[in-house]
Amino acid sequence: MNNMSDIIEKAREYLENVTPFKGDCGTLCDSLCCKKRDENGKNKSDSFGMWLFPGEDKLFENNVKFKVTQADGNNSYPFLLCGYSGENHDFCKREERPLFCRFFPYFPVVKNIGGKFKVKIIVHPTALRMCPIITSKLNLRITSDFSRAVKKAVYTMINDDKLRKYLTETGEYLESMSEFAQKIL
């Protein structure tokens, strides 16, 4: 597995059939994280999107339901617009989700400790205000199946220098943002 697209596909496969807790986590919140919101936090039905990992844009090139674009932020990595064909949100099949969606409401942080890479799973800062897995009093815990799948995906991805750099830098940034957000919330 030396091609970045193959590595991304393998990582996506690990996360294909698992969610952070038993069952479809989107049923808790009507898939809130998958919908664009207006300035008042209400869902909108037009296009919404998600940042892509390096090389992941190749997986969406010929899919008319999505549009890969460049956007400011995220070190100019591609941004995936979902629902681009004008269809309603329901067309977005779980198996088509990009990696950010598969990791959410968590994100893996990669650290080089003594020459070995370690993976830590943190709460994505945007989940602190929107995801019932994180915000509810239900005391939902991340499943070991999800945690293992995330780690397998990430250990596959860190074999590629560009993906490892992206995971390390993005994870560090999100970890610092998450720590800050938790202090002020």
N, C-alpha and C. Protein backbone atom coordinates (compact mmCIF):
# COMPACT_ATOMS: atom_id res chain seq x y z
N MET A 1 0.85 -1.17 0.00
CA MET A 1 0.00 0.00 0.00
C MET A 1 0.90 1.25 0.00
N ASN A 2 1.32 1.66 -1.18
CA ASN A 2 2.22 2.79 -1.25
C ASN A 2 1.57 4.04 -1.84
N ASN A 3 0.42 3.91 -2.40
CA ASN A 3 -0.31 5.01 -3.01
C ASN A 3 -1.17 5.69 -1.94
N MET A 4 -1.13 7.03 -1.90
CA MET A 4 -1.88 7.75 -0.87
C MET A 4 -3.38 7.44 -0.96
N SER A 5 -3.92 7.31 -2.15
CA SER A 5 -5.35 7.00 -2.30
C SER A 5 -5.67 5.63 -1.71
N ASP A 6 -4.77 4.67 -1.88
CA ASP A 6 -4.97 3.34 -1.29
C ASP A 6 -4.96 3.41 0.24
N ILE A 7 -4.07 4.23 0.77
CA ILE A 7 -3.97 4.39 2.23
C ILE A 7 -5.26 5.02 2.77
N ILE A 8 -5.74 6.06 2.08
CA ILE A 8 -6.98 6.72 2.49
C ILE A 8 -8.14 5.73 2.43
N GLU A 9 -8.22 4.96 1.36
CA GLU A 9 -9.30 3.96 1.23
C GLU A 9 -9.26 2.96 2.37
N LYS A 10 -8.08 2.49 2.71
CA LYS A 10 -7.94 1.51 3.80
C LYS A 10 -8.37 2.14 5.13
N ALA A 11 -7.97 3.38 5.37
CA ALA A 11 -8.37 4.07 6.60
C ALA A 11 -9.88 4.21 6.66
N ARG A 12 -10.50 4.56 5.54
CA ARG A 12 -11.96 4.70 5.48
C ARG A 12 -12.64 3.35 5.75
N GLU A 13 -12.07 2.28 5.24
CA GLU A 13 -12.63 0.94 5.46
C GLU A 13 -12.68 0.59 6.96
N TYR A 14 -11.63 0.94 7.67
CA TYR A 14 -11.60 0.65 9.11
C TYR A 14 -12.76 1.33 9.83
N LEU A 15 -13.18 2.49 9.32
CA LEU A 15 -14.22 3.28 9.97
C LEU A 15 -15.59 3.12 9.32
N GLU A 16 -15.71 2.20 8.41
CA GLU A 16 -16.94 2.03 7.63
C GLU A 16 -18.15 1.68 8.48
N ASN A 17 -18.00 0.73 9.38
CA ASN A 17 -19.17 0.18 10.09
C ASN A 17 -19.14 0.40 11.59
N VAL A 18 -18.40 1.40 12.03
CA VAL A 18 -18.36 1.70 13.47
C VAL A 18 -18.75 3.15 13.70
N THR A 19 -19.33 3.39 14.84
CA THR A 19 -19.63 4.76 15.28
C THR A 19 -19.14 4.89 16.72
N PRO A 20 -19.08 6.11 17.22
CA PRO A 20 -18.52 6.30 18.57
C PRO A 20 -19.24 5.54 19.68
N PHE A 21 -20.52 5.25 19.49
CA PHE A 21 -21.22 4.43 20.48
C PHE A 21 -22.09 3.44 19.73
N LYS A 22 -22.61 2.46 20.40
CA LYS A 22 -23.42 1.43 19.74
C LYS A 22 -24.62 2.07 19.06
N GLY A 23 -24.78 1.82 17.78
CA GLY A 23 -25.89 2.36 17.02
C GLY A 23 -25.46 3.53 16.14
N ASP A 24 -26.39 4.07 15.40
CA ASP A 24 -26.13 5.20 14.50
C ASP A 24 -26.20 6.48 15.33
N CYS A 25 -25.07 7.12 15.52
CA CYS A 25 -25.04 8.30 16.38
C CYS A 25 -25.88 9.44 15.81
N GLY A 26 -26.14 9.46 14.51
CA GLY A 26 -26.96 10.50 13.90
C GLY A 26 -28.41 10.48 14.35
N THR A 27 -28.85 9.36 14.91
CA THR A 27 -30.23 9.29 15.39
C THR A 27 -30.44 10.13 16.65
N LEU A 28 -29.37 10.42 17.38
CA LEU A 28 -29.48 11.24 18.59
C LEU A 28 -29.81 12.70 18.28
N CYS A 29 -29.34 13.16 17.13
CA CYS A 29 -29.42 14.60 16.85
C CYS A 29 -29.92 14.89 15.44
N ASP A 30 -30.51 13.92 14.77
CA ASP A 30 -30.95 14.08 13.39
C ASP A 30 -29.77 14.50 12.51
N SER A 31 -28.64 13.88 12.73
CA SER A 31 -27.42 14.12 11.94
C SER A 31 -27.03 15.59 11.88
N LEU A 32 -27.09 16.26 13.00
CA LEU A 32 -26.82 17.69 13.07
C LEU A 32 -25.46 18.06 12.49
N CYS A 33 -24.43 17.26 12.75
CA CYS A 33 -23.10 17.61 12.27
C CYS A 33 -22.99 17.51 10.76
N CYS A 34 -23.97 16.91 10.11
CA CYS A 34 -23.95 16.75 8.66
C CYS A 34 -24.76 17.81 7.93
N LYS A 35 -25.24 18.81 8.64
CA LYS A 35 -26.11 19.80 8.02
C LYS A 35 -25.54 21.20 8.18
N LYS A 36 -25.66 21.98 7.14
CA LYS A 36 -25.24 23.37 7.22
C LYS A 36 -26.22 24.15 8.07
N ARG A 37 -25.69 25.07 8.86
CA ARG A 37 -26.54 25.87 9.73
C ARG A 37 -26.42 27.35 9.37
N ASP A 38 -27.48 28.08 9.59
CA ASP A 38 -27.43 29.52 9.35
C ASP A 38 -26.83 30.22 10.56
N GLU A 39 -26.80 31.54 10.55
CA GLU A 39 -26.16 32.30 11.63
C GLU A 39 -26.86 32.12 12.97
N ASN A 40 -28.10 31.62 12.99
CA ASN A 40 -28.83 31.37 14.23
C ASN A 40 -28.72 29.92 14.70
N GLY A 41 -27.93 29.12 13.98
CA GLY A 41 -27.75 27.73 14.36
C GLY A 41 -28.82 26.79 13.82
N LYS A 42 -29.75 27.33 13.01
CA LYS A 42 -30.81 26.49 12.44
C LYS A 42 -30.28 25.80 11.19
N ASN A 43 -30.75 24.56 10.96
CA ASN A 43 -30.30 23.81 9.79
C ASN A 43 -30.77 24.48 8.50
N LYS A 44 -29.91 24.42 7.50
CA LYS A 44 -30.25 24.90 6.16
C LYS A 44 -30.18 23.69 5.23
N SER A 45 -30.87 23.75 4.14
CA SER A 45 -30.90 22.60 3.24
C SER A 45 -29.94 22.72 2.07
N ASP A 46 -29.23 23.85 1.94
CA ASP A 46 -28.30 23.96 0.83
C ASP A 46 -26.99 23.24 1.13
N SER A 47 -26.01 23.40 0.29
CA SER A 47 -24.75 22.66 0.41
C SER A 47 -24.07 22.85 1.75
N PHE A 48 -23.42 21.83 2.19
CA PHE A 48 -22.60 21.87 3.39
C PHE A 48 -21.32 21.13 3.06
N GLY A 49 -20.32 21.21 3.91
CA GLY A 49 -19.08 20.57 3.53
C GLY A 49 -18.19 20.20 4.69
N MET A 50 -17.03 19.66 4.31
CA MET A 50 -16.08 19.15 5.28
C MET A 50 -14.69 19.20 4.66
N TRP A 51 -13.69 19.49 5.48
CA TRP A 51 -12.31 19.45 5.01
C TRP A 51 -11.93 18.02 4.66
N LEU A 52 -11.07 17.89 3.69
CA LEU A 52 -10.57 16.59 3.28
C LEU A 52 -9.12 16.41 3.72
N PHE A 53 -8.74 15.17 3.92
CA PHE A 53 -7.35 14.85 4.21
C PHE A 53 -6.56 14.90 2.91
N PRO A 54 -5.25 15.08 2.98
CA PRO A 54 -4.44 15.06 1.76
C PRO A 54 -4.71 13.78 0.97
N GLY A 55 -4.95 13.93 -0.32
CA GLY A 55 -5.18 12.78 -1.20
C GLY A 55 -6.61 12.28 -1.22
N GLU A 56 -7.42 12.67 -0.26
CA GLU A 56 -8.79 12.17 -0.18
C GLU A 56 -9.67 12.75 -1.29
N ASP A 57 -9.30 13.90 -1.82
CA ASP A 57 -10.09 14.52 -2.89
C ASP A 57 -10.22 13.62 -4.11
N LYS A 58 -9.23 12.77 -4.34
CA LYS A 58 -9.26 11.86 -5.50
C LYS A 58 -10.45 10.91 -5.44
N LEU A 59 -10.92 10.58 -4.24
CA LEU A 59 -12.03 9.65 -4.07
C LEU A 59 -13.37 10.27 -4.45
N PHE A 60 -13.42 11.59 -4.57
CA PHE A 60 -14.69 12.28 -4.85
C PHE A 60 -14.72 12.93 -6.24
N GLU A 61 -13.67 12.75 -7.02
CA GLU A 61 -13.55 13.43 -8.31
C GLU A 61 -14.71 13.18 -9.26
N ASN A 62 -15.19 11.97 -9.34
CA ASN A 62 -16.22 11.63 -10.33
C ASN A 62 -17.59 11.40 -9.71
N ASN A 63 -17.80 11.91 -8.51
CA ASN A 63 -19.08 11.75 -7.84
C ASN A 63 -19.85 13.07 -7.95
N VAL A 64 -20.94 13.08 -8.72
CA VAL A 64 -21.69 14.32 -8.97
C VAL A 64 -22.40 14.86 -7.74
N LYS A 65 -22.49 14.08 -6.69
CA LYS A 65 -23.15 14.54 -5.46
C LYS A 65 -22.24 15.45 -4.64
N PHE A 66 -20.98 15.53 -5.01
CA PHE A 66 -20.00 16.29 -4.27
C PHE A 66 -19.21 17.19 -5.21
N LYS A 67 -18.68 18.25 -4.63
CA LYS A 67 -17.76 19.10 -5.38
C LYS A 67 -16.56 19.38 -4.49
N VAL A 68 -15.38 19.10 -5.03
CA VAL A 68 -14.15 19.38 -4.32
C VAL A 68 -13.71 20.78 -4.73
N THR A 69 -13.43 21.60 -3.73
CA THR A 69 -13.05 22.98 -3.99
C THR A 69 -11.89 23.38 -3.08
N GLN A 70 -11.28 24.50 -3.37
CA GLN A 70 -10.25 25.06 -2.50
C GLN A 70 -10.95 26.09 -1.62
N ALA A 71 -10.52 26.20 -0.41
CA ALA A 71 -11.10 27.17 0.52
C ALA A 71 -10.00 27.69 1.43
N ASP A 72 -10.25 28.84 1.99
CA ASP A 72 -9.30 29.39 2.95
C ASP A 72 -9.32 28.54 4.21
N GLY A 73 -8.22 28.48 4.89
CA GLY A 73 -8.14 27.71 6.12
C GLY A 73 -7.63 26.32 5.89
N ASN A 74 -7.39 25.61 6.94
CA ASN A 74 -6.93 24.22 6.92
C ASN A 74 -5.72 24.05 6.00
N ASN A 75 -4.82 25.01 6.02
CA ASN A 75 -3.60 24.98 5.21
C ASN A 75 -3.88 24.74 3.72
N SER A 76 -5.01 25.24 3.25
CA SER A 76 -5.41 25.17 1.84
C SER A 76 -5.64 23.75 1.33
N TYR A 77 -5.92 22.83 2.24
CA TYR A 77 -6.29 21.50 1.78
C TYR A 77 -7.70 21.57 1.19
N PRO A 78 -8.06 20.64 0.32
CA PRO A 78 -9.37 20.70 -0.34
C PRO A 78 -10.54 20.62 0.64
N PHE A 79 -11.63 21.19 0.19
CA PHE A 79 -12.88 21.21 0.94
C PHE A 79 -13.92 20.50 0.11
N LEU A 80 -14.70 19.63 0.72
CA LEU A 80 -15.71 18.85 0.01
C LEU A 80 -17.08 19.47 0.26
N LEU A 81 -17.73 19.90 -0.80
CA LEU A 81 -19.10 20.40 -0.70
C LEU A 81 -20.04 19.23 -0.93
N CYS A 82 -20.88 18.97 0.04
CA CYS A 82 -21.84 17.86 -0.04
C CYS A 82 -23.18 18.40 -0.52
N GLY A 83 -23.97 17.57 -1.15
CA GLY A 83 -25.27 17.99 -1.62
C GLY A 83 -25.16 18.94 -2.79
N TYR A 84 -24.05 18.89 -3.47
CA TYR A 84 -23.79 19.84 -4.54
C TYR A 84 -24.74 19.69 -5.71
N SER A 85 -25.23 18.50 -5.95
CA SER A 85 -26.11 18.28 -7.10
C SER A 85 -27.51 18.84 -6.86
N GLY A 86 -27.73 19.43 -5.71
CA GLY A 86 -29.04 20.03 -5.42
C GLY A 86 -30.02 19.06 -4.80
N GLU A 87 -29.62 17.82 -4.64
CA GLU A 87 -30.51 16.83 -4.02
C GLU A 87 -30.59 17.11 -2.53
N ASN A 88 -31.58 16.51 -1.89
CA ASN A 88 -31.69 16.77 -0.45
C ASN A 88 -30.65 15.97 0.32
N HIS A 89 -30.50 16.28 1.59
CA HIS A 89 -29.45 15.74 2.44
C HIS A 89 -29.47 14.22 2.52
N ASP A 90 -30.61 13.59 2.37
CA ASP A 90 -30.72 12.16 2.58
C ASP A 90 -29.89 11.32 1.61
N PHE A 91 -29.43 11.92 0.50
CA PHE A 91 -28.68 11.13 -0.46
C PHE A 91 -27.30 10.75 0.07
N CYS A 92 -26.80 11.45 1.05
CA CYS A 92 -25.43 11.24 1.51
C CYS A 92 -25.34 9.94 2.29
N LYS A 93 -24.91 8.93 1.63
CA LYS A 93 -24.83 7.61 2.24
C LYS A 93 -23.63 7.54 3.19
N ARG A 94 -23.80 6.80 4.26
CA ARG A 94 -22.73 6.68 5.25
C ARG A 94 -21.42 6.23 4.62
N GLU A 95 -21.49 5.33 3.66
CA GLU A 95 -20.26 4.82 3.05
C GLU A 95 -19.54 5.87 2.20
N GLU A 96 -20.18 7.00 1.93
CA GLU A 96 -19.56 8.07 1.16
C GLU A 96 -18.91 9.13 2.04
N ARG A 97 -19.07 9.03 3.34
CA ARG A 97 -18.56 10.06 4.24
C ARG A 97 -17.04 10.19 4.15
N PRO A 98 -16.55 11.44 4.17
CA PRO A 98 -15.10 11.63 4.24
C PRO A 98 -14.57 11.28 5.63
N LEU A 99 -13.26 11.21 5.76
CA LEU A 99 -12.65 10.80 7.02
C LEU A 99 -13.01 11.71 8.19
N PHE A 100 -13.05 13.03 7.98
CA PHE A 100 -13.42 13.91 9.09
C PHE A 100 -14.78 13.50 9.67
N CYS A 101 -15.71 13.17 8.81
CA CYS A 101 -17.04 12.74 9.27
C CYS A 101 -16.97 11.41 10.01
N ARG A 102 -16.12 10.54 9.54
CA ARG A 102 -16.01 9.22 10.17
C ARG A 102 -15.37 9.32 11.56
N PHE A 103 -14.49 10.30 11.74
CA PHE A 103 -13.85 10.50 13.05
C PHE A 103 -14.75 11.27 14.01
N PHE A 104 -15.58 12.15 13.51
CA PHE A 104 -16.37 13.07 14.33
C PHE A 104 -17.31 12.32 15.27
N PRO A 105 -17.45 12.75 16.51
CA PRO A 105 -17.08 14.02 17.13
C PRO A 105 -15.67 14.02 17.74
N TYR A 106 -14.86 13.10 17.31
CA TYR A 106 -13.50 12.99 17.82
C TYR A 106 -12.52 13.28 16.70
N PHE A 107 -11.26 13.43 17.07
CA PHE A 107 -10.20 13.58 16.09
C PHE A 107 -8.95 12.95 16.68
N PRO A 108 -8.18 12.25 15.84
CA PRO A 108 -6.96 11.62 16.34
C PRO A 108 -5.79 12.61 16.38
N VAL A 109 -5.05 12.57 17.45
CA VAL A 109 -3.85 13.37 17.60
C VAL A 109 -2.66 12.42 17.54
N VAL A 110 -1.72 12.70 16.65
CA VAL A 110 -0.53 11.87 16.50
C VAL A 110 0.64 12.59 17.14
N LYS A 111 1.32 11.88 18.00
CA LYS A 111 2.50 12.45 18.67
C LYS A 111 3.68 11.50 18.50
N ASN A 112 4.84 12.10 18.24
CA ASN A 112 6.07 11.33 18.16
C ASN A 112 6.70 11.35 19.54
N ILE A 113 6.69 10.21 20.19
CA ILE A 113 7.23 10.10 21.55
C ILE A 113 8.40 9.11 21.51
N GLY A 114 9.59 9.65 21.64
CA GLY A 114 10.78 8.80 21.63
C GLY A 114 10.96 8.01 20.35
N GLY A 115 10.58 8.61 19.22
CA GLY A 115 10.74 7.94 17.93
C GLY A 115 9.60 7.00 17.56
N LYS A 116 8.62 6.88 18.44
CA LYS A 116 7.45 6.05 18.15
C LYS A 116 6.22 6.94 18.09
N PHE A 117 5.34 6.64 17.16
CA PHE A 117 4.12 7.43 17.03
C PHE A 117 3.02 6.85 17.91
N LYS A 118 2.41 7.73 18.66
CA LYS A 118 1.30 7.36 19.53
C LYS A 118 0.07 8.12 19.05
N VAL A 119 -1.09 7.47 19.16
CA VAL A 119 -2.35 8.08 18.75
C VAL A 119 -3.22 8.28 19.97
N LYS A 120 -3.71 9.49 20.11
CA LYS A 120 -4.62 9.86 21.19
C LYS A 120 -5.89 10.39 20.52
N ILE A 121 -7.03 10.05 21.05
CA ILE A 121 -8.30 10.51 20.48
C ILE A 121 -8.85 11.62 21.38
N ILE A 122 -9.11 12.78 20.76
CA ILE A 122 -9.64 13.91 21.51
C ILE A 122 -11.03 14.28 20.98
N VAL A 123 -11.75 15.06 21.74
CA VAL A 123 -13.02 15.61 21.30
C VAL A 123 -12.72 16.75 20.33
N HIS A 124 -13.34 16.72 19.16
CA HIS A 124 -13.17 17.82 18.21
C HIS A 124 -13.82 19.07 18.81
N PRO A 125 -13.15 20.21 18.77
CA PRO A 125 -13.69 21.42 19.42
C PRO A 125 -15.10 21.80 18.97
N THR A 126 -15.45 21.57 17.71
CA THR A 126 -16.79 21.93 17.26
C THR A 126 -17.86 21.04 17.88
N ALA A 127 -17.46 19.87 18.34
CA ALA A 127 -18.43 18.96 18.96
C ALA A 127 -18.84 19.40 20.35
N LEU A 128 -18.04 20.26 20.97
CA LEU A 128 -18.31 20.68 22.35
C LEU A 128 -19.65 21.39 22.49
N ARG A 129 -20.16 21.98 21.42
CA ARG A 129 -21.42 22.71 21.50
C ARG A 129 -22.55 22.08 20.71
N MET A 130 -22.24 21.07 19.89
CA MET A 130 -23.29 20.56 19.01
C MET A 130 -23.58 19.08 19.12
N CYS A 131 -22.67 18.29 19.62
CA CYS A 131 -22.85 16.84 19.56
C CYS A 131 -23.39 16.28 20.87
N PRO A 132 -24.55 15.63 20.81
CA PRO A 132 -25.14 15.08 22.04
C PRO A 132 -24.29 13.99 22.69
N ILE A 133 -23.42 13.36 21.93
CA ILE A 133 -22.53 12.38 22.54
C ILE A 133 -21.64 13.08 23.55
N ILE A 134 -21.26 14.31 23.25
CA ILE A 134 -20.37 15.08 24.10
C ILE A 134 -21.15 15.93 25.09
N THR A 135 -22.24 16.56 24.65
CA THR A 135 -22.94 17.55 25.46
C THR A 135 -24.04 17.00 26.36
N SER A 136 -24.50 15.79 26.09
CA SER A 136 -25.65 15.28 26.85
C SER A 136 -25.24 14.75 28.21
N LYS A 137 -26.22 14.58 29.03
CA LYS A 137 -26.02 14.00 30.36
C LYS A 137 -26.22 12.48 30.31
N LEU A 138 -26.29 11.92 29.10
CA LEU A 138 -26.54 10.49 28.94
C LEU A 138 -25.31 9.65 29.30
N ASN A 139 -24.17 10.30 29.47
CA ASN A 139 -22.95 9.60 29.82
C ASN A 139 -22.59 8.53 28.79
N LEU A 140 -22.67 8.91 27.51
CA LEU A 140 -22.30 8.00 26.43
C LEU A 140 -20.78 7.94 26.33
N ARG A 141 -20.27 6.76 26.28
CA ARG A 141 -18.82 6.58 26.21
C ARG A 141 -18.43 6.04 24.85
N ILE A 142 -17.26 6.47 24.40
CA ILE A 142 -16.72 5.98 23.14
C ILE A 142 -16.54 4.46 23.25
N THR A 143 -16.96 3.72 22.23
CA THR A 143 -16.83 2.27 22.28
C THR A 143 -15.39 1.87 21.97
N SER A 144 -15.01 0.74 22.49
CA SER A 144 -13.66 0.24 22.21
C SER A 144 -13.52 -0.11 20.73
N ASP A 145 -14.62 -0.56 20.09
CA ASP A 145 -14.57 -0.85 18.65
C ASP A 145 -14.23 0.40 17.85
N PHE A 146 -14.87 1.52 18.21
CA PHE A 146 -14.60 2.78 17.50
C PHE A 146 -13.16 3.23 17.76
N SER A 147 -12.75 3.18 19.00
CA SER A 147 -11.39 3.60 19.36
C SER A 147 -10.35 2.77 18.61
N ARG A 148 -10.55 1.46 18.56
CA ARG A 148 -9.62 0.58 17.82
C ARG A 148 -9.63 0.90 16.34
N ALA A 149 -10.81 1.13 15.77
CA ALA A 149 -10.92 1.44 14.34
C ALA A 149 -10.21 2.74 14.00
N VAL A 150 -10.38 3.75 14.85
CA VAL A 150 -9.70 5.03 14.63
C VAL A 150 -8.19 4.82 14.66
N LYS A 151 -7.72 4.11 15.65
CA LYS A 151 -6.28 3.89 15.77
C LYS A 151 -5.73 3.08 14.60
N LYS A 152 -6.45 2.06 14.15
CA LYS A 152 -6.00 1.30 12.98
C LYS A 152 -5.93 2.20 11.76
N ALA A 153 -6.95 3.02 11.58
CA ALA A 153 -6.97 3.94 10.43
C ALA A 153 -5.78 4.89 10.49
N VAL A 154 -5.54 5.45 11.66
CA VAL A 154 -4.46 6.43 11.80
C VAL A 154 -3.09 5.77 11.65
N TYR A 155 -2.89 4.59 12.24
CA TYR A 155 -1.60 3.93 12.08
C TYR A 155 -1.35 3.55 10.62
N THR A 156 -2.39 3.31 9.86
CA THR A 156 -2.25 3.10 8.42
C THR A 156 -1.84 4.39 7.74
N MET A 157 -2.47 5.50 8.14
CA MET A 157 -2.22 6.79 7.51
C MET A 157 -0.84 7.35 7.81
N ILE A 158 -0.29 7.09 8.98
CA ILE A 158 1.00 7.69 9.33
C ILE A 158 2.16 7.05 8.58
N ASN A 159 1.89 6.02 7.80
CA ASN A 159 2.93 5.45 6.94
C ASN A 159 3.25 6.36 5.76
N ASP A 160 2.39 7.34 5.51
CA ASP A 160 2.63 8.31 4.45
C ASP A 160 3.09 9.62 5.10
N ASP A 161 4.21 10.17 4.63
CA ASP A 161 4.78 11.37 5.24
C ASP A 161 3.81 12.55 5.25
N LYS A 162 3.11 12.76 4.14
CA LYS A 162 2.20 13.91 4.04
C LYS A 162 1.01 13.74 4.99
N LEU A 163 0.45 12.54 5.04
CA LEU A 163 -0.68 12.28 5.94
C LEU A 163 -0.24 12.37 7.40
N ARG A 164 0.94 11.86 7.71
CA ARG A 164 1.45 11.93 9.08
C ARG A 164 1.63 13.38 9.50
N LYS A 165 2.21 14.19 8.62
CA LYS A 165 2.40 15.62 8.91
C LYS A 165 1.05 16.29 9.14
N TYR A 166 0.09 15.99 8.28
CA TYR A 166 -1.24 16.59 8.40
C TYR A 166 -1.89 16.19 9.73
N LEU A 167 -1.87 14.91 10.06
CA LEU A 167 -2.45 14.44 11.31
C LEU A 167 -1.77 15.06 12.52
N THR A 168 -0.47 15.17 12.48
CA THR A 168 0.28 15.75 13.59
C THR A 168 -0.06 17.22 13.78
N GLU A 169 0.02 17.99 12.69
CA GLU A 169 -0.23 19.43 12.78
C GLU A 169 -1.68 19.74 13.11
N THR A 170 -2.60 19.08 12.44
CA THR A 170 -4.02 19.33 12.68
C THR A 170 -4.42 18.88 14.08
N GLY A 171 -3.92 17.73 14.48
CA GLY A 171 -4.21 17.23 15.83
C GLY A 171 -3.71 18.17 16.92
N GLU A 172 -2.49 18.68 16.75
CA GLU A 172 -1.96 19.63 17.74
C GLU A 172 -2.82 20.89 17.82
N TYR A 173 -3.21 21.40 16.66
CA TYR A 173 -4.04 22.60 16.61
C TYR A 173 -5.40 22.34 17.28
N LEU A 174 -6.06 21.25 16.90
CA LEU A 174 -7.37 20.94 17.47
C LEU A 174 -7.29 20.65 18.96
N GLU A 175 -6.22 20.01 19.37
CA GLU A 175 -6.04 19.73 20.80
C GLU A 175 -5.93 21.03 21.59
N SER A 176 -5.15 22.00 21.08
CA SER A 176 -5.03 23.28 21.78
C SER A 176 -6.36 24.04 21.76
N MET A 177 -7.09 23.98 20.64
CA MET A 177 -8.40 24.63 20.56
C MET A 177 -9.40 23.98 21.51
N SER A 178 -9.36 22.67 21.59
CA SER A 178 -10.28 21.93 22.46
C SER A 178 -10.00 22.26 23.93
N GLU A 179 -8.74 22.31 24.30
CA GLU A 179 -8.38 22.65 25.68
C GLU A 179 -8.85 24.06 26.02
N PHE A 180 -8.66 24.99 25.09
CA PHE A 180 -9.09 26.36 25.30
C PHE A 180 -10.61 26.43 25.42
N ALA A 181 -11.32 25.76 24.49
CA ALA A 181 -12.79 25.79 24.50
C ALA A 181 -13.36 25.19 25.78
N GLN A 182 -12.77 24.11 26.26
CA GLN A 182 -13.25 23.50 27.48
C GLN A 182 -13.07 24.41 28.69
N LYS A 183 -12.04 25.23 28.67
CA LYS A 183 -11.80 26.16 29.76
C LYS A 183 -12.85 27.28 29.79
N ILE A 184 -13.31 27.71 28.62
CA ILE A 184 -14.23 28.84 28.59
C ILE A 184 -15.70 28.44 28.56
N LEU A 185 -15.99 27.17 28.29
CA LEU A 185 -17.39 26.73 28.25
C LEU A 185 -17.91 26.37 29.63
